[in-house]
């Protein structure tokens, strides 16, 4: 039961987060994607909070500069 509840809550959270991106500009979408990808890469490489935050910050900056 708990597993089903967690999966349902996760699905609803992802759906709500994606629906919030409908009115974003291209630069805002690229920045958000850069933050997510950079944060994941920073965590995989460094494995600690500082690496995750640094990767997210760097990814956000790079994402915001794409297609300018």
N, C-alpha and C. Protein backbone atom coordinates (compact mmCIF):
# COMPACT_ATOMS: atom_id res chain seq x y z
N UNK A 1 0.82 -1.19 0.00
CA UNK A 1 0.00 0.00 0.00
C UNK A 1 0.86 1.26 0.00
N UNK A 2 1.90 1.25 0.81
CA UNK A 2 2.75 2.43 0.91
C UNK A 2 3.45 2.70 -0.42
N UNK A 3 3.89 1.66 -1.10
CA UNK A 3 4.57 1.82 -2.37
C UNK A 3 3.64 2.44 -3.42
N UNK A 4 2.41 2.03 -3.46
CA UNK A 4 1.45 2.57 -4.40
C UNK A 4 1.18 4.04 -4.11
N UNK A 5 1.08 4.38 -2.84
CA UNK A 5 0.84 5.78 -2.46
C UNK A 5 2.02 6.65 -2.85
N UNK A 6 3.22 6.17 -2.62
CA UNK A 6 4.42 6.93 -2.97
C UNK A 6 4.51 7.12 -4.47
N UNK A 7 4.22 6.09 -5.25
CA UNK A 7 4.25 6.19 -6.71
C UNK A 7 3.21 7.18 -7.21
N UNK A 8 2.02 7.13 -6.67
CA UNK A 8 0.96 8.04 -7.08
C UNK A 8 1.33 9.49 -6.74
N UNK A 9 1.83 9.71 -5.54
CA UNK A 9 2.24 11.05 -5.14
C UNK A 9 3.37 11.56 -6.03
N UNK A 10 4.31 10.70 -6.35
CA UNK A 10 5.42 11.10 -7.22
C UNK A 10 4.92 11.46 -8.61
N UNK A 11 4.02 10.68 -9.15
CA UNK A 11 3.45 10.95 -10.46
C UNK A 11 2.70 12.27 -10.49
N UNK A 12 1.92 12.54 -9.46
CA UNK A 12 1.18 13.80 -9.39
C UNK A 12 2.13 14.99 -9.24
N UNK A 13 3.20 14.82 -8.50
CA UNK A 13 4.18 15.89 -8.33
C UNK A 13 4.88 16.21 -9.64
N UNK A 14 5.28 15.18 -10.37
CA UNK A 14 5.93 15.39 -11.67
C UNK A 14 4.96 16.06 -12.65
N UNK A 15 3.72 15.61 -12.67
CA UNK A 15 2.74 16.21 -13.57
C UNK A 15 2.51 17.68 -13.24
N UNK A 16 2.44 18.01 -11.97
CA UNK A 16 2.24 19.41 -11.57
C UNK A 16 3.45 20.26 -11.94
N UNK A 17 4.64 19.70 -11.75
CA UNK A 17 5.85 20.44 -12.08
C UNK A 17 5.96 20.69 -13.58
N UNK A 18 5.62 19.71 -14.38
CA UNK A 18 5.69 19.87 -15.83
C UNK A 18 4.62 20.82 -16.35
N UNK A 19 3.47 20.84 -15.73
CA UNK A 19 2.42 21.74 -16.20
C UNK A 19 2.77 23.20 -15.89
N UNK A 20 3.62 23.42 -14.92
CA UNK A 20 4.04 24.79 -14.59
C UNK A 20 4.98 25.35 -15.65
N UNK A 21 5.54 24.52 -16.50
CA UNK A 21 6.49 24.97 -17.52
C UNK A 21 5.79 25.45 -18.79
N UNK A 22 4.49 25.44 -18.84
CA UNK A 22 3.77 25.79 -20.05
C UNK A 22 3.93 27.22 -20.51
N UNK A 23 4.11 28.15 -19.60
CA UNK A 23 4.18 29.56 -19.96
C UNK A 23 5.59 30.13 -19.84
N UNK A 24 6.58 29.26 -19.78
CA UNK A 24 7.96 29.72 -19.66
C UNK A 24 8.53 30.10 -21.03
N UNK A 25 9.45 31.05 -21.02
CA UNK A 25 10.15 31.39 -22.25
C UNK A 25 11.20 30.31 -22.52
N UNK A 26 11.78 30.35 -23.70
CA UNK A 26 12.81 29.37 -24.06
C UNK A 26 14.01 29.48 -23.12
N UNK A 27 14.41 30.69 -22.80
CA UNK A 27 15.54 30.88 -21.90
C UNK A 27 15.24 30.31 -20.52
N UNK A 28 14.05 30.50 -20.02
CA UNK A 28 13.68 29.96 -18.71
C UNK A 28 13.67 28.43 -18.73
N UNK A 29 13.16 27.85 -19.81
CA UNK A 29 13.16 26.39 -19.92
C UNK A 29 14.58 25.84 -19.99
N UNK A 30 15.44 26.50 -20.77
CA UNK A 30 16.83 26.05 -20.86
C UNK A 30 17.54 26.17 -19.51
N UNK A 31 17.25 27.24 -18.78
CA UNK A 31 17.86 27.41 -17.46
C UNK A 31 17.40 26.32 -16.51
N UNK A 32 16.10 26.02 -16.50
CA UNK A 32 15.58 24.97 -15.63
C UNK A 32 16.17 23.61 -15.99
N UNK A 33 16.26 23.32 -17.28
CA UNK A 33 16.86 22.05 -17.70
C UNK A 33 18.33 21.99 -17.30
N UNK A 34 19.04 23.10 -17.44
CA UNK A 34 20.45 23.14 -17.05
C UNK A 34 20.64 22.91 -15.56
N UNK A 35 19.75 23.47 -14.76
CA UNK A 35 19.83 23.27 -13.30
C UNK A 35 19.64 21.79 -12.95
N UNK A 36 18.65 21.17 -13.55
CA UNK A 36 18.37 19.76 -13.26
C UNK A 36 19.53 18.87 -13.71
N UNK A 37 19.96 19.06 -14.94
CA UNK A 37 21.04 18.22 -15.48
C UNK A 37 22.34 18.48 -14.73
N UNK A 38 22.65 19.76 -14.47
CA UNK A 38 23.87 20.09 -13.74
C UNK A 38 23.87 19.56 -12.32
N UNK A 39 22.73 19.66 -11.65
CA UNK A 39 22.62 19.12 -10.29
C UNK A 39 22.80 17.62 -10.24
N UNK A 40 22.19 16.93 -11.19
CA UNK A 40 22.34 15.47 -11.24
C UNK A 40 23.79 15.08 -11.55
N UNK A 41 24.40 15.78 -12.49
CA UNK A 41 25.79 15.48 -12.83
C UNK A 41 26.72 15.79 -11.66
N UNK A 42 26.50 16.91 -10.98
CA UNK A 42 27.31 17.26 -9.83
C UNK A 42 27.20 16.23 -8.72
N UNK A 43 26.00 15.74 -8.50
CA UNK A 43 25.81 14.71 -7.47
C UNK A 43 26.49 13.40 -7.85
N UNK A 44 26.39 13.03 -9.13
CA UNK A 44 27.02 11.78 -9.57
C UNK A 44 28.55 11.87 -9.50
N UNK A 45 29.09 13.03 -9.80
CA UNK A 45 30.54 13.18 -9.79
C UNK A 45 31.07 13.34 -8.37
N UNK A 46 30.48 14.25 -7.59
CA UNK A 46 31.01 14.55 -6.27
C UNK A 46 30.38 13.78 -5.14
N UNK A 47 29.09 13.52 -5.24
CA UNK A 47 28.41 12.72 -4.23
C UNK A 47 28.08 13.45 -2.94
N UNK A 48 28.22 14.78 -2.91
CA UNK A 48 27.85 15.50 -1.70
C UNK A 48 27.03 16.74 -2.06
N UNK A 49 26.56 17.44 -1.06
CA UNK A 49 25.67 18.57 -1.28
C UNK A 49 26.36 19.70 -2.04
N UNK A 50 27.60 19.98 -1.70
CA UNK A 50 28.33 21.05 -2.37
C UNK A 50 28.48 20.80 -3.86
N UNK A 51 28.77 19.58 -4.22
CA UNK A 51 28.91 19.22 -5.64
C UNK A 51 27.57 19.34 -6.37
N UNK A 52 26.50 18.94 -5.71
CA UNK A 52 25.18 19.04 -6.31
C UNK A 52 24.79 20.49 -6.54
N UNK A 53 25.01 21.33 -5.54
CA UNK A 53 24.67 22.75 -5.68
C UNK A 53 25.56 23.45 -6.71
N UNK A 54 26.84 23.11 -6.71
CA UNK A 54 27.74 23.69 -7.70
C UNK A 54 27.37 23.29 -9.11
N UNK A 55 27.04 22.03 -9.31
CA UNK A 55 26.62 21.56 -10.63
C UNK A 55 25.33 22.21 -11.07
N UNK A 56 24.40 22.38 -10.14
CA UNK A 56 23.13 23.03 -10.48
C UNK A 56 23.35 24.49 -10.86
N UNK A 57 24.20 25.18 -10.12
CA UNK A 57 24.48 26.59 -10.44
C UNK A 57 25.15 26.73 -11.79
N UNK A 58 26.15 25.91 -12.04
CA UNK A 58 26.86 25.97 -13.31
C UNK A 58 25.94 25.56 -14.46
N UNK A 59 25.13 24.54 -14.26
CA UNK A 59 24.19 24.12 -15.29
C UNK A 59 23.16 25.19 -15.59
N UNK A 60 22.71 25.90 -14.58
CA UNK A 60 21.74 26.98 -14.79
C UNK A 60 22.34 28.12 -15.61
N UNK A 61 23.59 28.46 -15.33
CA UNK A 61 24.24 29.52 -16.08
C UNK A 61 24.43 29.10 -17.53
N UNK A 62 24.90 27.89 -17.75
CA UNK A 62 25.11 27.40 -19.12
C UNK A 62 23.77 27.30 -19.85
N UNK A 63 22.75 26.77 -19.19
CA UNK A 63 21.43 26.64 -19.81
C UNK A 63 20.85 27.99 -20.21
N UNK A 64 21.08 29.02 -19.40
CA UNK A 64 20.53 30.32 -19.72
C UNK A 64 21.22 30.98 -20.90
N UNK A 65 22.42 30.53 -21.24
CA UNK A 65 23.17 31.13 -22.33
C UNK A 65 22.97 30.42 -23.67
N UNK A 66 22.28 29.29 -23.66
CA UNK A 66 22.03 28.55 -24.89
C UNK A 66 20.98 29.29 -25.72
N UNK A 67 21.19 29.37 -27.04
CA UNK A 67 20.27 30.02 -27.98
C UNK A 67 20.10 31.51 -27.74
N UNK A 68 21.15 32.16 -27.36
CA UNK A 68 21.07 33.62 -27.18
C UNK A 68 21.50 34.32 -28.42
